[in-house]
PDB file of N, CA and C in Angstrom:
ATOM      1  N   MET A   1       0.306  10.600  -1.357  1.00  0.00           N
ATOM      2  CA  MET A   1       0.611  10.138  -0.334  1.00  0.00           C
ATOM      3  C   MET A   1       1.822  10.025   0.093  1.00  0.00           C
ATOM      4  N   LEU A   2       2.133   9.523  -0.563  1.00  0.00           N
ATOM      5  CA  LEU A   2       3.613   8.993  -0.017  1.00  0.00           C
ATOM      6  C   LEU A   2       4.530  10.059   0.139  1.00  0.00           C
ATOM      7  N   ARG A   3       3.928  11.336  -0.825  1.00  0.00           N
ATOM      8  CA  ARG A   3       4.930  12.928  -0.419  1.00  0.00           C
ATOM      9  C   ARG A   3       4.729  13.178   1.477  1.00  0.00           C
ATOM     10  N   ALA A   4       3.074  12.982   1.434  1.00  0.00           N
ATOM     11  CA  ALA A   4       2.630  13.573   3.086  1.00  0.00           C
ATOM     12  C   ALA A   4       3.430  12.347   3.902  1.00  0.00           C
ATOM     13  N   SER A   5       3.390  11.582   3.347  1.00  0.00           N
ATOM     14  CA  SER A   5       3.422  10.569   4.648  1.00  0.00           C
ATOM     15  C   SER A   5       5.242  10.852   4.905  1.00  0.00           C
ATOM     16  N   ALA A   6       6.058  10.925   3.915  1.00  0.00           N
ATOM     17  CA  ALA A   6       7.624  11.325   4.094  1.00  0.00           C
ATOM     18  C   ALA A   6       7.577  12.700   4.709  1.00  0.00           C
ATOM     19  N   ASP A   7       6.972  13.546   4.399  1.00  0.00           N
ATOM     20  CA  ASP A   7       7.084  14.698   4.860  1.00  0.00           C
ATOM     21  C   ASP A   7       7.015  14.990   6.392  1.00  0.00           C
ATOM     22  N   ALA A   8       5.883  14.133   6.942  1.00  0.00           N
ATOM     23  CA  ALA A   8       5.600  13.923   8.521  1.00  0.00           C
ATOM     24  C   ALA A   8       6.292  12.876   9.040  1.00  0.00           C
ATOM     25  N   THR A   9       6.983  12.194   7.979  1.00  0.00           N
ATOM     26  CA  THR A   9       7.805  11.766   9.352  1.00  0.00           C
ATOM     27  C   THR A   9       9.311  11.598   9.367  1.00  0.00           C
ATOM     28  N   ASP A  10       9.410  12.629   8.283  1.00  0.00           N
ATOM     29  CA  ASP A  10      10.622  13.151   8.335  1.00  0.00           C
ATOM     30  C   ASP A  10      11.760  12.410   7.073  1.00  0.00           C
ATOM     31  N   GLN A  11      11.052  11.591   6.549  1.00  0.00           N
ATOM     32  CA  GLN A  11      12.001  10.733   5.723  1.00  0.00           C
ATOM     33  C   GLN A  11      11.923  10.971   4.564  1.00  0.00           C
ATOM     34  N   PRO A  12      13.516  10.613   4.087  1.00  0.00           N
ATOM     35  CA  PRO A  12      13.703  11.365   2.370  1.00  0.00           C
ATOM     36  C   PRO A  12      13.302  10.521   1.814  1.00  0.00           C
ATOM     37  N   VAL A  13      12.693  11.269   0.341  1.00  0.00           N
ATOM     38  CA  VAL A  13      11.824  10.127  -0.720  1.00  0.00           C
ATOM     39  C   VAL A  13      11.961  10.973  -1.797  1.00  0.00           C
ATOM     40  N   ASP A  14      12.565  10.576  -3.329  1.00  0.00           N
ATOM     41  CA  ASP A  14      12.661  10.760  -4.253  1.00  0.00           C
ATOM     42  C   ASP A  14      11.790  10.647  -5.472  1.00  0.00           C
ATOM     43  N   LEU A  15      10.507  11.478  -5.745  1.00  0.00           N
ATOM     44  CA  LEU A  15       9.650  11.160  -6.287  1.00  0.00           C
ATOM     45  C   LEU A  15       9.562  10.880  -7.646  1.00  0.00           C
ATOM     46  N   ALA A  16      10.649  10.760  -8.298  1.00  0.00           N
ATOM     47  CA  ALA A  16      10.900  11.002  -9.586  1.00  0.00           C
ATOM     48  C   ALA A  16      11.118   9.211  -9.699  1.00  0.00           C
ATOM     49  N   ALA A  17      11.460   8.406  -8.608  1.00  0.00           N
ATOM     50  CA  ALA A  17      11.268   7.309  -8.787  1.00  0.00           C
ATOM     51  C   ALA A  17      10.211   6.609  -8.903  1.00  0.00           C
ATOM     52  N   ILE A  18       9.050   7.485  -8.803  1.00  0.00           N
ATOM     53  CA  ILE A  18       7.956   7.277  -9.644  1.00  0.00           C
ATOM     54  C   ILE A  18       7.669   6.828 -11.108  1.00  0.00           C
ATOM     55  N   ARG A  19       8.732   7.794 -11.685  1.00  0.00           N
ATOM     56  CA  ARG A  19       8.413   7.319 -13.449  1.00  0.00           C
ATOM     57  C   ARG A  19       9.768   7.158 -14.184  1.00  0.00           C
ATOM     58  N   ASP A  20      11.150   6.760 -13.358  1.00  0.00           N
ATOM     59  CA  ASP A  20      12.113   6.248 -13.584  1.00  0.00           C
ATOM     60  C   ASP A  20      12.441   5.461 -12.354  1.00  0.00           C
ATOM     61  N   GLU A  21      12.309   4.191 -13.193  1.00  0.00           N
ATOM     62  CA  GLU A  21      12.883   2.940 -12.654  1.00  0.00           C
ATOM     63  C   GLU A  21      14.224   2.242 -11.920  1.00  0.00           C
ATOM     64  N   SER A  22      15.473   3.778 -12.709  1.00  0.00           N
ATOM     65  CA  SER A  22      16.222   3.526 -12.080  1.00  0.00           C
ATOM     66  C   SER A  22      16.747   4.378 -10.804  1.00  0.00           C
ATOM     67  N   ILE A  23      15.852   4.992 -10.532  1.00  0.00           N
ATOM     68  CA  ILE A  23      15.778   5.724  -9.048  1.00  0.00           C
ATOM     69  C   ILE A  23      15.818   5.120  -7.960  1.00  0.00           C
ATOM     70  N   ASP A  24      16.265   5.077  -6.995  1.00  0.00           N
ATOM     71  CA  ASP A  24      15.911   4.150  -5.449  1.00  0.00           C
ATOM     72  C   ASP A  24      14.865   5.524  -5.368  1.00  0.00           C
ATOM     73  N   PRO A  25      13.611   5.187  -4.772  1.00  0.00           N
ATOM     74  CA  PRO A  25      12.896   6.213  -4.319  1.00  0.00           C
ATOM     75  C   PRO A  25      13.777   6.667  -2.716  1.00  0.00           C
ATOM     76  N   GLY A  26      14.240   6.127  -1.674  1.00  0.00           N
ATOM     77  CA  GLY A  26      15.238   6.562  -0.824  1.00  0.00           C
ATOM     78  C   GLY A  26      15.008   5.552   0.502  1.00  0.00           C
ATOM     79  N   PRO A  27      16.236   5.988   1.134  1.00  0.00           N
ATOM     80  CA  PRO A  27      16.239   4.893   2.703  1.00  0.00           C
ATOM     81  C   PRO A  27      14.763   5.000   2.989  1.00  0.00           C
ATOM     82  N   GLY A  28      13.868   6.090   3.334  1.00  0.00           N
ATOM     83  CA  GLY A  28      12.430   6.339   3.837  1.00  0.00           C
ATOM     84  C   GLY A  28      11.621   5.244   2.894  1.00  0.00           C
ATOM     85  N   VAL A  29      11.844   4.662   2.402  1.00  0.00           N
ATOM     86  CA  VAL A  29      10.907   3.923   1.640  1.00  0.00           C
ATOM     87  C   VAL A  29      11.255   2.442   1.721  1.00  0.00           C
ATOM     88  N   ARG A  30      10.782   1.685   2.941  1.00  0.00           N
ATOM     89  CA  ARG A  30      10.986   0.449   2.199  1.00  0.00           C
ATOM     90  C   ARG A  30      10.364  -0.424   1.437  1.00  0.00           C
ATOM     91  N   ALA A  31      11.571  -1.417   0.570  1.00  0.00           N
ATOM     92  CA  ALA A  31      10.806  -2.145  -0.748  1.00  0.00           C
ATOM     93  C   ALA A  31      10.334  -1.400  -1.549  1.00  0.00           C
ATOM     94  N   GLY A  32      10.631   0.083  -1.363  1.00  0.00           N
ATOM     95  CA  GLY A  32      10.181   0.987  -2.797  1.00  0.00           C
ATOM     96  C   GLY A  32       9.994   0.249  -4.013  1.00  0.00           C
ATOM     97  N   ARG A  33      11.287  -0.255  -4.488  1.00  0.00           N
ATOM     98  CA  ARG A  33      11.224  -0.804  -5.848  1.00  0.00           C
ATOM     99  C   ARG A  33       9.826  -1.829  -6.004  1.00  0.00           C
ATOM    100  N   GLU A  34      10.091  -2.604  -5.173  1.00  0.00           N
ATOM    101  CA  GLU A  34       8.592  -3.737  -5.052  1.00  0.00           C
ATOM    102  C   GLU A  34       7.259  -2.846  -5.177  1.00  0.00           C
ATOM    103  N   LEU A  35       7.828  -1.799  -4.056  1.00  0.00           N
ATOM    104  CA  LEU A  35       5.998  -1.167  -3.889  1.00  0.00           C
ATOM    105  C   LEU A  35       5.414  -0.512  -5.490  1.00  0.00           C
ATOM    106  N   ARG A  36       7.047   0.200  -5.998  1.00  0.00           N
ATOM    107  CA  ARG A  36       6.317   0.682  -7.608  1.00  0.00           C
ATOM    108  C   ARG A  36       6.134  -0.165  -8.200  1.00  0.00           C
ATOM    109  N   ASN A  37       6.591  -1.367  -8.343  1.00  0.00           N
ATOM    110  CA  ASN A  37       6.436  -2.198  -9.414  1.00  0.00           C
ATOM    111  C   ASN A  37       4.815  -3.117  -9.113  1.00  0.00           C
ATOM    112  N   LEU A  38       4.450  -3.562  -7.772  1.00  0.00           N
ATOM    113  CA  LEU A  38       3.054  -3.995  -7.710  1.00  0.00           C
ATOM    114  C   LEU A  38       2.132  -2.671  -8.264  1.00  0.00           C
ATOM    115  N   THR A  39       2.413  -1.510  -7.796  1.00  0.00           N
ATOM    116  CA  THR A  39       1.459  -0.253  -7.966  1.00  0.00           C
ATOM    117  C   THR A  39       1.211  -0.473  -9.381  1.00  0.00           C
ATOM    118  N   ASP A  40       2.406  -0.535 -10.355  1.00  0.00           N
ATOM    119  CA  ASP A  40       2.053  -0.258 -11.617  1.00  0.00           C
ATOM    120  C   ASP A  40       1.599  -1.517 -12.248  1.00  0.00           C
ATOM    121  N   ALA A  41       1.732  -2.599 -12.015  1.00  0.00           N
ATOM    122  CA  ALA A  41       0.981  -3.958 -12.366  1.00  0.00           C
ATOM    123  C   ALA A  41      -0.568  -3.625 -12.224  1.00  0.00           C
ATOM    124  N   ILE A  42      -0.558  -3.164 -10.991  1.00  0.00           N
ATOM    125  CA  ILE A  42      -1.956  -2.991 -10.441  1.00  0.00           C
ATOM    126  C   ILE A  42      -3.005  -1.921 -11.675  1.00  0.00           C
ATOM    127  N   VAL A  43      -2.462  -0.585 -11.139  1.00  0.00           N
ATOM    128  CA  VAL A  43      -3.018   0.379 -11.855  1.00  0.00           C
ATOM    129  C   VAL A  43      -2.854   0.430 -13.414  1.00  0.00           C
ATOM    130  N   LEU A  44      -2.251  -0.535 -14.103  1.00  0.00           N
ATOM    131  CA  LEU A  44      -1.896  -0.290 -15.434  1.00  0.00           C
ATOM    132  C   LEU A  44      -2.970  -2.180 -15.684  1.00  0.00           C
ATOM    133  N   ARG A  45      -3.087  -2.469 -14.591  1.00  0.00           N
ATOM    134  CA  ARG A  45      -3.975  -4.071 -15.161  1.00  0.00           C
ATOM    135  C   ARG A  45      -3.327  -4.719 -15.525  1.00  0.00           C
ATOM    136  N   ASP A  46      -2.458  -5.100 -15.357  1.00  0.00           N
ATOM    137  CA  ASP A  46      -0.934  -5.867 -16.079  1.00  0.00           C
ATOM    138  C   ASP A  46      -1.125  -7.633 -15.266  1.00  0.00           C
ATOM    139  N   THR A  47      -1.825  -8.234 -15.995  1.00  0.00           N
ATOM    140  CA  THR A  47      -2.375  -9.344 -14.965  1.00  0.00           C
ATOM    141  C   THR A  47      -0.817 -10.265 -15.282  1.00  0.00           C
ATOM    142  N   ASP A  48      -0.457  -9.939 -15.941  1.00  0.00           N
ATOM    143  CA  ASP A  48       0.742 -10.931 -16.205  1.00  0.00           C
ATOM    144  C   ASP A  48       1.942 -10.554 -15.030  1.00  0.00           C
ATOM    145  N   GLU A  49       2.049  -9.432 -15.021  1.00  0.00           N
ATOM    146  CA  GLU A  49       3.282  -8.765 -14.051  1.00  0.00           C
ATOM    147  C   GLU A  49       2.487  -9.003 -12.602  1.00  0.00           C
ATOM    148  N   ARG A  50       1.257  -8.834 -12.651  1.00  0.00           N
ATOM    149  CA  ARG A  50       0.682  -8.737 -11.086  1.00  0.00           C
ATOM    150  C   ARG A  50       1.001 -10.017  -9.815  1.00  0.00           C
ATOM    151  N   PRO A  51       0.866 -11.202 -10.007  1.00  0.00           N
ATOM    152  CA  PRO A  51       1.512 -11.682  -9.404  1.00  0.00           C
ATOM    153  C   PRO A  51       2.997 -12.049  -9.359  1.00  0.00           C
ATOM    154  N   ALA A  52       3.768 -11.920  -9.956  1.00  0.00           N
ATOM    155  CA  ALA A  52       5.424 -11.586  -9.895  1.00  0.00           C
ATOM    156  C   ALA A  52       5.646 -10.436  -9.041  1.00  0.00           C
ATOM    157  N   ALA A  53       5.217  -9.467  -9.275  1.00  0.00           N
ATOM    158  CA  ALA A  53       5.354  -8.295  -8.580  1.00  0.00           C
ATOM    159  C   ALA A  53       4.748  -8.306  -6.912  1.00  0.00           C
ATOM    160  N   PHE A  54       3.543  -8.957  -6.855  1.00  0.00           N
ATOM    161  CA  PHE A  54       3.530  -9.298  -5.111  1.00  0.00           C
ATOM    162  C   PHE A  54       3.923 -10.086  -4.783  1.00  0.00           C
ATOM    163  N   ALA A  55       4.785 -11.097  -5.527  1.00  0.00           N
ATOM    164  CA  ALA A  55       5.711 -12.006  -4.735  1.00  0.00           C
ATOM    165  C   ALA A  55       6.898 -11.617  -4.554  1.00  0.00           C
ATOM    166  N   GLU A  56       7.115 -10.454  -4.968  1.00  0.00           N
ATOM    167  CA  GLU A  56       8.481  -9.990  -4.624  1.00  0.00           C
ATOM    168  C   GLU A  56       8.277  -9.125  -3.818  1.00  0.00           C
ATOM    169  N   LEU A  57       7.019  -8.035  -3.207  1.00  0.00           N
ATOM    170  CA  LEU A  57       6.739  -7.543  -2.330  1.00  0.00           C
ATOM    171  C   LEU A  57       6.800  -8.402  -1.001  1.00  0.00           C
ATOM    172  N   VAL A  58       6.051  -9.762  -0.983  1.00  0.00           N
ATOM    173  CA  VAL A  58       6.141 -10.702   0.207  1.00  0.00           C
ATOM    174  C   VAL A  58       7.329 -10.782   0.390  1.00  0.00           C
ATOM    175  N   ASP A  59       8.154 -11.195  -0.435  1.00  0.00           N
ATOM    176  CA  ASP A  59       9.650 -11.465   0.087  1.00  0.00           C
ATOM    177  C   ASP A  59      10.205 -10.043   1.163  1.00  0.00           C
ATOM    178  N   ALA A  60       9.856  -9.013   0.077  1.00  0.00           N
ATOM    179  CA  ALA A  60      10.434  -8.182   0.639  1.00  0.00           C
ATOM    180  C   ALA A  60       9.731  -7.834   2.182  1.00  0.00           C
ATOM    181  N   VAL A  61       8.775  -7.855   2.463  1.00  0.00           N
ATOM    182  CA  VAL A  61       7.959  -7.154   3.888  1.00  0.00           C
ATOM    183  C   VAL A  61       7.101  -8.383   4.466  1.00  0.00           C
ATOM    184  N   GLY A  62       6.909  -9.280   3.442  1.00  0.00           N
ATOM    185  CA  GLY A  62       5.838 -10.001   4.440  1.00  0.00           C
ATOM    186  C   GLY A  62       4.613 -10.365   3.768  1.00  0.00           C
ATOM    187  N   PRO A  63       4.351 -11.423   4.198  1.00  0.00           N
ATOM    188  CA  PRO A  63       2.071 -11.245   3.636  1.00  0.00           C
ATOM    189  C   PRO A  63       1.631 -10.441   3.767  1.00  0.00           C
ATOM    190  N   ALA A  64       2.041 -10.075   5.611  1.00  0.00           N
ATOM    191  CA  ALA A  64       1.013  -8.803   5.794  1.00  0.00           C
ATOM    192  C   ALA A  64       0.968  -7.652   5.598  1.00  0.00           C
ATOM    193  N   GLY A  65       2.642  -7.146   5.348  1.00  0.00           N
ATOM    194  CA  GLY A  65       3.023  -5.849   4.984  1.00  0.00           C
ATOM    195  C   GLY A  65       2.455  -5.966   2.995  1.00  0.00           C
ATOM    196  N   ALA A  66       2.398  -6.988   2.236  1.00  0.00           N
ATOM    197  CA  ALA A  66       2.220  -6.518   0.987  1.00  0.00           C
ATOM    198  C   ALA A  66       0.780  -6.514   1.107  1.00  0.00           C
ATOM    199  N   VAL A  67       0.047  -7.422   1.627  1.00  0.00           N
ATOM    200  CA  VAL A  67      -1.422  -7.315   2.198  1.00  0.00           C
ATOM    201  C   VAL A  67      -1.756  -5.482   2.308  1.00  0.00           C
ATOM    202  N   ARG A  68      -0.976  -5.437   3.222  1.00  0.00           N
ATOM    203  CA  ARG A  68      -1.373  -3.574   3.740  1.00  0.00           C
ATOM    204  C   ARG A  68      -1.139  -2.831   2.702  1.00  0.00           C
ATOM    205  N   ALA A  69      -0.201  -2.892   1.519  1.00  0.00           N
ATOM    206  CA  ALA A  69       0.721  -2.362   0.673  1.00  0.00           C
ATOM    207  C   ALA A  69      -0.415  -2.436  -0.254  1.00  0.00           C
ATOM    208  N   ALA A  70      -1.117  -3.128  -0.737  1.00  0.00           N
ATOM    209  CA  ALA A  70      -2.304  -3.525  -2.051  1.00  0.00           C
ATOM    210  C   ALA A  70      -3.292  -2.960  -1.707  1.00  0.00           C
ATOM    211  N   ALA A  71      -3.873  -3.323   0.045  1.00  0.00           N
ATOM    212  CA  ALA A  71      -4.968  -2.046   0.003  1.00  0.00           C
ATOM    213  C   ALA A  71      -4.639  -0.741  -0.085  1.00  0.00           C
ATOM    214  N   VAL A  72      -3.403  -0.162   0.455  1.00  0.00           N
ATOM    215  CA  VAL A  72      -3.146   1.041   0.166  1.00  0.00           C
ATOM    216  C   VAL A  72      -3.572   1.537  -1.304  1.00  0.00           C
ATOM    217  N   VAL A  73      -2.931   1.023  -2.608  1.00  0.00           N
ATOM    218  CA  VAL A  73      -2.686   0.862  -3.819  1.00  0.00           C
ATOM    219  C   VAL A  73      -3.996   0.775  -3.931  1.00  0.00           C
ATOM    220  N   GLY A  74      -5.223  -0.037  -3.502  1.00  0.00           N
ATOM    221  CA  GLY A  74      -6.470   0.096  -3.475  1.00  0.00           C
ATOM    222  C   GLY A  74      -7.073   1.115  -3.483  1.00  0.00           C
ATOM    223  N   ASN A  75      -7.468   1.578  -2.303  1.00  0.00           N
ATOM    224  CA  ASN A  75      -7.811   2.748  -1.325  1.00  0.00           C
ATOM    225  C   ASN A  75      -7.926   3.865  -2.395  1.00  0.00           C
ATOM    226  N   PHE A  76      -6.600   4.165  -3.057  1.00  0.00           N
ATOM    227  CA  PHE A  76      -5.779   5.226  -3.474  1.00  0.00           C
ATOM    228  C   PHE A  76      -6.632   5.211  -4.889  1.00  0.00           C
ATOM    229  N   GLU A  77      -6.791   3.889  -5.206  1.00  0.00           N
ATOM    230  CA  GLU A  77      -7.591   3.682  -6.980  1.00  0.00           C
ATOM    231  C   GLU A  77      -8.409   4.214  -6.900  1.00  0.00           C
ATOM    232  N   MET A  78      -9.361   3.552  -5.331  1.00  0.00           N
ATOM    233  CA  MET A  78     -10.807   4.453  -5.429  1.00  0.00           C
ATOM    234  C   MET A  78     -11.156   5.778  -5.437  1.00  0.00           C
ATOM    235  N   MET A  79     -10.177   6.446  -4.918  1.00  0.00           N
ATOM    236  CA  MET A  79     -10.232   7.632  -4.245  1.00  0.00           C
ATOM    237  C   MET A  79     -10.385   8.640  -5.461  1.00  0.00           C
ATOM    238  N   ASN A  80      -9.173   7.722  -6.210  1.00  0.00           N
ATOM    239  CA  ASN A  80      -8.338   8.522  -7.533  1.00  0.00           C
ATOM    240  C   ASN A  80     -10.117   8.607  -8.553  1.00  0.00           C
ATOM    241  N   ARG A  81     -10.229   7.326  -8.783  1.00  0.00           N
ATOM    242  CA  ARG A  81     -11.551   7.299 -10.118  1.00  0.00           C
ATOM    243  C   ARG A  81     -12.646   8.066  -9.178  1.00  0.00           C
ATOM    244  N   LEU A  82     -12.948   7.973  -7.709  1.00  0.00           N
ATOM    245  CA  LEU A  82     -13.851   8.978  -7.216  1.00  0.00           C
ATOM    246  C   LEU A  82     -14.027  10.253  -7.972  1.00  0.00           C
ATOM    247  N   MET A  83     -12.842  11.182  -7.476  1.00  0.00           N
ATOM    248  CA  MET A  83     -12.290  12.339  -7.646  1.00  0.00           C
ATOM    249  C   MET A  83     -12.753  12.798  -9.287  1.00  0.00           C
ATOM    250  N   ASP A  84     -11.888  11.841 -10.274  1.00  0.00           N
ATOM    251  CA  ASP A  84     -12.311  11.763 -11.257  1.00  0.00           C
ATOM    252  C   ASP A  84     -13.328  12.106 -11.831  1.00  0.00           C
ATOM    253  N   GLY A  85     -14.186  10.998 -11.530  1.00  0.00           N
ATOM    254  CA  GLY A  85     -15.827  10.613 -12.227  1.00  0.00           C
ATOM    255  C   GLY A  85     -16.805  11.894 -11.725  1.00  0.00           C
ATOM    256  N   ILE A  86     -16.496  12.594 -10.266  1.00  0.00           N
ATOM    257  CA  ILE A  86     -17.207  14.036 -10.133  1.00  0.00           C
ATOM    258  C   ILE A  86     -16.252  15.397 -10.661  1.00  0.00           C
ATOM    259  N   GLY A  87     -15.645  15.135 -11.490  1.00  0.00           N
ATOM    260  CA  GLY A  87     -14.844  16.053 -12.281  1.00  0.00           C
ATOM    261  C   GLY A  87     -13.634  17.044 -11.482  1.00  0.00           C
ATOM    262  N   VAL A  88     -13.433  16.748  -9.831  1.00  0.00           N
ATOM    263  CA  VAL A  88     -12.069  17.201  -9.366  1.00  0.00           C
ATOM    264  C   VAL A  88     -10.874  16.649 -10.148  1.00  0.00           C
ATOM    265  N   GLY A  89     -10.396  17.906 -10.459  1.00  0.00           N
ATOM    266  CA  GLY A  89      -9.059  17.823 -11.080  1.00  0.00           C
ATOM    267  C   GLY A  89      -7.734  17.714 -10.447  1.00  0.00           C
ATOM    268  N   ALA A  90      -6.506  17.706 -10.421  1.00  0.00           N
ATOM    269  CA  ALA A  90      -5.791  18.312  -9.571  1.00  0.00           C
ATOM    270  C   ALA A  90      -5.812  19.905  -9.393  1.00  0.00           C
ATOM    271  N   GLY A  91      -5.385  20.232  -8.625  1.00  0.00           N
ATOM    272  CA  GLY A  91      -5.302  21.659  -8.460  1.00  0.00           C
ATOM    273  C   GLY A  91      -3.712  22.162  -8.796  1.00  0.00           C
ATOM    274  N   PRO A  92      -3.418  23.845  -8.208  1.00  0.00           N
ATOM    275  CA  PRO A  92      -2.697  24.341  -9.149  1.00  0.00           C
ATOM    276  C   PRO A  92      -1.249  24.059  -7.908  1.00  0.00           C
ATOM    277  N   GLU A  93      -1.705  23.305  -6.898  1.00  0.00           N
ATOM    278  CA  GLU A  93      -0.664  23.030  -5.490  1.00  0.00           C
ATOM    279  C   GLU A  93      -0.063  21.759  -6.065  1.00  0.00           C
ATOM    280  N   MET A  94      -0.211  21.206  -7.026  1.00  0.00           N
ATOM    281  CA  MET A  94      -0.095  19.652  -7.083  1.00  0.00           C
ATOM    282  C   MET A  94       1.129  20.385  -8.119  1.00  0.00           C
ATOM    283  N   ALA A  95       0.840  21.184  -8.372  1.00  0.00           N
ATOM    284  CA  ALA A  95       2.203  21.363  -9.689  1.00  0.00           C
ATOM    285  C   ALA A  95       3.777  21.203  -9.179  1.00  0.00           C
ATOM    286  N   THR A  96       4.088  21.596  -8.302  1.00  0.00           N
ATOM    287  CA  THR A  96       5.152  20.692  -7.632  1.00  0.00           C
ATOM    288  C   THR A  96       5.805  19.483  -8.071  1.00  0.00           C
ATOM    289  N   ILE A  97       4.548  18.377  -7.530  1.00  0.00           N
ATOM    290  CA  ILE A  97       4.729  17.445  -7.235  1.00  0.00           C
ATOM    291  C   ILE A  97       4.686  16.481  -8.642  1.00  0.00           C
ATOM    292  N   ALA A  98       3.665  17.083  -9.476  1.00  0.00           N
ATOM    293  CA  ALA A  98       3.675  16.901 -11.001  1.00  0.00           C
ATOM    294  C   ALA A  98       5.068  16.975 -11.563  1.00  0.00           C
ATOM    295  N   ALA A  99       5.527  17.831 -11.163  1.00  0.00           N
ATOM    296  CA  ALA A  99       7.027  17.658 -12.182  1.00  0.00           C
ATOM    297  C   ALA A  99       7.969  17.335 -11.544  1.00  0.00           C
ATOM    298  N   ASP A 100       7.894  16.845 -10.299  1.00  0.00           N
ATOM    299  CA  ASP A 100       8.646  16.111  -9.597  1.00  0.00           C
ATOM    300  C   ASP A 100       8.831  14.261 -10.116  1.00  0.00           C
ATOM    301  N   ILE A 101       7.669  14.158 -10.652  1.00  0.00           N
ATOM    302  CA  ILE A 101       7.424  13.112 -11.348  1.00  0.00           C
ATOM    303  C   ILE A 101       7.282  13.001 -12.750  1.00  0.00           C
ATOM    304  N   GLY A 102       7.230  14.487 -13.326  1.00  0.00           N
ATOM    305  CA  GLY A 102       7.021  13.889 -14.814  1.00  0.00           C
ATOM    306  C   GLY A 102       5.878  14.108 -15.166  1.00  0.00           C
ATOM    307  N   VAL A 103       5.120  14.692 -15.020  1.00  0.00           N
ATOM    308  CA  VAL A 103       3.672  14.664 -15.283  1.00  0.00           C
ATOM    309  C   VAL A 103       2.941  16.284 -15.425  1.00  0.00           C
ATOM    310  N   THR A 104       2.368  16.374 -16.649  1.00  0.00           N
ATOM    311  CA  THR A 104       1.844  17.521 -17.285  1.00  0.00           C
ATOM    312  C   THR A 104       0.680  17.742 -16.742  1.00  0.00           C
ATOM    313  N   LEU A 105       0.363  19.218 -15.651  1.00  0.00           N
ATOM    314  CA  LEU A 105      -1.386  19.122 -15.160  1.00  0.00           C
ATOM    315  C   LEU A 105      -1.645  19.919 -16.376  1.00  0.00           C
ATOM    316  N   PRO A 106      -2.978  19.511 -16.621  1.00  0.00           N
ATOM    317  CA  PRO A 106      -3.742  20.051 -17.756  1.00  0.00           C
ATOM    318  C   PRO A 106      -3.804  21.888 -17.465  1.00  0.00           C
TER     319      PRO A 106
END
């Protein structure tokens, strides 16, 4: 979704930032580090990190922006689990994105 949004709005984004905290996602991703931290805390179910990550995102984008970001993360997780549950895996067209973020497809 991030890559597609970046492409659609002609905004530069470095997908390697997903796997490497030292990489800035780019100027096209407002509060990119804070978004990544919240996403990690939610996806990894890290109840110790989640409140701090959310507070950092609120500081960066305001309460409404942080709530919208959390809703996007939740929706993506729901779609991902649904697709996994019905047996739909990543297709070969995902190979480039997988390589960018350091993931090996089966």
